[in-house]
């Protein structure tokens, strides 16, 4: 149990360092990623208004392995962002390491048309 809390605290410290540098606006929102054991969540956030513009998660994708679902979620959030006339975003990996599901989501968002 102690090790789990240490891992969570380390991720939260890393996320705080990232958030000190990354800020989303209405024209260039923050693409925020959260990863749980079962689901990957992504949302576009306007930090000036503290408003979520678009969100997506892997529960919306029904078939495939988790990496495939993450990539499809990235494409879904890119599609929703482009419908809201958003092309450029700032990527916030949420303190998670940029490999695996987080990288697959970012690659999917880039394939969907987002630039970051």
C-alpha atoms as a PDB file:
ATOM      1  CA  UNK A   1       0.000   0.000   0.000  1.00  0.00           C
ATOM      2  CA  UNK A   2       2.844   2.328   0.795  1.00  0.00           C
ATOM      3  CA  UNK A   3       4.354   1.833  -2.669  1.00  0.00           C
ATOM      4  CA  UNK A   4       1.045   2.701  -4.380  1.00  0.00           C
ATOM      5  CA  UNK A   5       0.837   5.996  -2.494  1.00  0.00           C
ATOM      6  CA  UNK A   6       4.446   6.800  -3.386  1.00  0.00           C
ATOM      7  CA  UNK A   7       3.748   6.216  -7.086  1.00  0.00           C
ATOM      8  CA  UNK A   8       0.654   8.424  -6.939  1.00  0.00           C
ATOM      9  CA  UNK A   9       2.523  11.207  -5.140  1.00  0.00           C
ATOM     10  CA  UNK A  10       5.353  11.071  -7.682  1.00  0.00           C
ATOM     11  CA  UNK A  11       2.868  11.376 -10.575  1.00  0.00           C
ATOM     12  CA  UNK A  12       1.123  14.290  -8.856  1.00  0.00           C
ATOM     13  CA  UNK A  13       4.445  16.103  -8.327  1.00  0.00           C
ATOM     14  CA  UNK A  14       5.351  15.575 -11.981  1.00  0.00           C
ATOM     15  CA  UNK A  15       1.925  16.801 -13.074  1.00  0.00           C
ATOM     16  CA  UNK A  16       2.309  19.936 -10.939  1.00  0.00           C
ATOM     17  CA  UNK A  17       5.618  20.704 -12.681  1.00  0.00           C
ATOM     18  CA  UNK A  18       3.985  20.233 -16.085  1.00  0.00           C
ATOM     19  CA  UNK A  19       0.979  22.393 -15.150  1.00  0.00           C
ATOM     20  CA  UNK A  20       3.279  25.211 -14.066  1.00  0.00           C
ATOM     21  CA  UNK A  21       4.449  25.468 -17.696  1.00  0.00           C
ATOM     22  CA  UNK A  22       1.381  24.408 -19.698  1.00  0.00           C
ATOM     23  CA  UNK A  23      -1.640  26.708 -19.999  1.00  0.00           C
ATOM     24  CA  UNK A  24      -4.613  26.418 -22.347  1.00  0.00           C
ATOM     25  CA  UNK A  25      -6.531  29.299 -23.922  1.00  0.00           C
ATOM     26  CA  UNK A  26      -9.689  29.438 -26.021  1.00  0.00           C
ATOM     27  CA  UNK A  27      -7.663  29.449 -29.261  1.00  0.00           C
ATOM     28  CA  UNK A  28      -5.109  26.891 -28.078  1.00  0.00           C
ATOM     29  CA  UNK A  29      -6.667  24.682 -25.364  1.00  0.00           C
ATOM     30  CA  UNK A  30      -4.886  22.135 -23.207  1.00  0.00           C
ATOM     31  CA  UNK A  31      -5.275  18.472 -24.217  1.00  0.00           C
ATOM     32  CA  UNK A  32      -5.313  16.836 -20.783  1.00  0.00           C
ATOM     33  CA  UNK A  33      -4.881  13.056 -20.404  1.00  0.00           C
ATOM     34  CA  UNK A  34      -5.790  10.892 -17.421  1.00  0.00           C
ATOM     35  CA  UNK A  35      -5.060   7.175 -17.319  1.00  0.00           C
ATOM     36  CA  UNK A  36      -6.744   4.719 -14.978  1.00  0.00           C
ATOM     37  CA  UNK A  37      -6.339   0.940 -14.941  1.00  0.00           C
ATOM     38  CA  UNK A  38      -9.310   0.396 -17.235  1.00  0.00           C
ATOM     39  CA  UNK A  39      -9.922   3.656 -19.092  1.00  0.00           C
ATOM     40  CA  UNK A  40      -8.056   6.508 -20.728  1.00  0.00           C
ATOM     41  CA  UNK A  41      -9.682   9.956 -20.581  1.00  0.00           C
ATOM     42  CA  UNK A  42      -8.838  13.013 -22.680  1.00  0.00           C
ATOM     43  CA  UNK A  43     -10.319  16.488 -22.648  1.00  0.00           C
ATOM     44  CA  UNK A  44      -9.670  19.884 -24.159  1.00  0.00           C
ATOM     45  CA  UNK A  45      -9.671  22.558 -21.470  1.00  0.00           C
ATOM     46  CA  UNK A  46      -9.771  26.349 -21.712  1.00  0.00           C
ATOM     47  CA  UNK A  47      -7.894  27.385 -18.560  1.00  0.00           C
ATOM     48  CA  UNK A  48      -8.862  31.057 -18.819  1.00  0.00           C
ATOM     49  CA  UNK A  49     -12.539  30.168 -18.228  1.00  0.00           C
ATOM     50  CA  UNK A  50     -11.896  26.828 -16.453  1.00  0.00           C
ATOM     51  CA  UNK A  51     -14.120  25.225 -19.040  1.00  0.00           C
ATOM     52  CA  UNK A  52     -13.997  21.789 -20.687  1.00  0.00           C
ATOM     53  CA  UNK A  53     -14.588  22.206 -24.413  1.00  0.00           C
ATOM     54  CA  UNK A  54     -14.459  18.593 -25.649  1.00  0.00           C
ATOM     55  CA  UNK A  55     -13.955  15.229 -23.960  1.00  0.00           C
ATOM     56  CA  UNK A  56     -13.491  11.607 -25.009  1.00  0.00           C
ATOM     57  CA  UNK A  57     -12.580   8.304 -23.392  1.00  0.00           C
ATOM     58  CA  UNK A  58     -11.879   4.705 -24.307  1.00  0.00           C
ATOM     59  CA  UNK A  59     -15.324   3.586 -23.132  1.00  0.00           C
ATOM     60  CA  UNK A  60     -16.723   5.143 -26.332  1.00  0.00           C
ATOM     61  CA  UNK A  61     -14.661   2.694 -28.437  1.00  0.00           C
ATOM     62  CA  UNK A  62     -16.118  -0.812 -28.310  1.00  0.00           C
ATOM     63  CA  UNK A  63     -13.570  -3.087 -30.014  1.00  0.00           C
ATOM     64  CA  UNK A  64      -9.814  -3.627 -29.965  1.00  0.00           C
ATOM     65  CA  UNK A  65      -6.979  -3.829 -27.507  1.00  0.00           C
ATOM     66  CA  UNK A  66      -6.221  -0.948 -25.151  1.00  0.00           C
ATOM     67  CA  UNK A  67      -3.552   0.611 -27.403  1.00  0.00           C
ATOM     68  CA  UNK A  68      -5.950   0.520 -30.353  1.00  0.00           C
ATOM     69  CA  UNK A  69      -8.699   2.049 -28.211  1.00  0.00           C
ATOM     70  CA  UNK A  70      -6.314   4.800 -27.075  1.00  0.00           C
ATOM     71  CA  UNK A  71      -5.393   5.652 -30.668  1.00  0.00           C
ATOM     72  CA  UNK A  72      -9.058   5.700 -31.679  1.00  0.00           C
ATOM     73  CA  UNK A  73      -9.866   7.942 -28.700  1.00  0.00           C
ATOM     74  CA  UNK A  74      -7.189  10.359 -29.927  1.00  0.00           C
ATOM     75  CA  UNK A  75      -8.814  10.403 -33.354  1.00  0.00           C
ATOM     76  CA  UNK A  76     -12.245  10.949 -31.763  1.00  0.00           C
ATOM     77  CA  UNK A  77     -11.106  13.928 -29.709  1.00  0.00           C
ATOM     78  CA  UNK A  78      -9.377  15.397 -32.775  1.00  0.00           C
ATOM     79  CA  UNK A  79     -12.584  15.024 -34.789  1.00  0.00           C
ATOM     80  CA  UNK A  80     -14.635  16.726 -32.060  1.00  0.00           C
ATOM     81  CA  UNK A  81     -12.037  19.509 -31.752  1.00  0.00           C
ATOM     82  CA  UNK A  82     -12.034  20.195 -35.474  1.00  0.00           C
ATOM     83  CA  UNK A  83     -15.853  20.386 -35.385  1.00  0.00           C
ATOM     84  CA  UNK A  84     -15.384  23.139 -32.764  1.00  0.00           C
ATOM     85  CA  UNK A  85     -12.822  24.858 -35.051  1.00  0.00           C
ATOM     86  CA  UNK A  86      -9.815  23.985 -32.876  1.00  0.00           C
ATOM     87  CA  UNK A  87      -6.651  22.964 -34.710  1.00  0.00           C
ATOM     88  CA  UNK A  88      -3.777  23.727 -32.300  1.00  0.00           C
ATOM     89  CA  UNK A  89      -3.558  22.387 -28.742  1.00  0.00           C
ATOM     90  CA  UNK A  90      -1.064  22.144 -25.893  1.00  0.00           C
ATOM     91  CA  UNK A  91      -0.442  18.559 -24.738  1.00  0.00           C
ATOM     92  CA  UNK A  92      -0.637  17.798 -21.009  1.00  0.00           C
ATOM     93  CA  UNK A  93       0.314  14.179 -20.300  1.00  0.00           C
ATOM     94  CA  UNK A  94      -0.945  14.453 -16.717  1.00  0.00           C
ATOM     95  CA  UNK A  95       2.286  13.352 -15.081  1.00  0.00           C
ATOM     96  CA  UNK A  96       2.204  10.002 -16.862  1.00  0.00           C
ATOM     97  CA  UNK A  97       5.203   8.718 -18.823  1.00  0.00           C
ATOM     98  CA  UNK A  98       4.917   9.414 -22.569  1.00  0.00           C
ATOM     99  CA  UNK A  99       4.812   5.769 -23.677  1.00  0.00           C
ATOM    100  CA  UNK A 100       2.139   3.169 -24.320  1.00  0.00           C
ATOM    101  CA  UNK A 101      -1.439   4.389 -24.112  1.00  0.00           C
ATOM    102  CA  UNK A 102      -0.556   8.063 -23.633  1.00  0.00           C
ATOM    103  CA  UNK A 103       1.661   8.040 -26.727  1.00  0.00           C
ATOM    104  CA  UNK A 104      -0.992   6.144 -28.728  1.00  0.00           C
ATOM    105  CA  UNK A 105      -3.596   8.773 -27.815  1.00  0.00           C
ATOM    106  CA  UNK A 106      -1.235  11.575 -28.858  1.00  0.00           C
ATOM    107  CA  UNK A 107      -0.443   9.837 -32.158  1.00  0.00           C
ATOM    108  CA  UNK A 108      -4.149   9.315 -32.827  1.00  0.00           C
ATOM    109  CA  UNK A 109      -4.869  12.992 -32.152  1.00  0.00           C
ATOM    110  CA  UNK A 110      -2.104  14.005 -34.550  1.00  0.00           C
ATOM    111  CA  UNK A 111      -3.475  11.649 -37.210  1.00  0.00           C
ATOM    112  CA  UNK A 112      -6.916  13.165 -36.647  1.00  0.00           C
ATOM    113  CA  UNK A 113      -5.598  16.622 -37.494  1.00  0.00           C
ATOM    114  CA  UNK A 114      -4.551  18.260 -34.221  1.00  0.00           C
ATOM    115  CA  UNK A 115      -1.198  20.039 -34.072  1.00  0.00           C
ATOM    116  CA  UNK A 116       0.977  20.098 -30.952  1.00  0.00           C
END
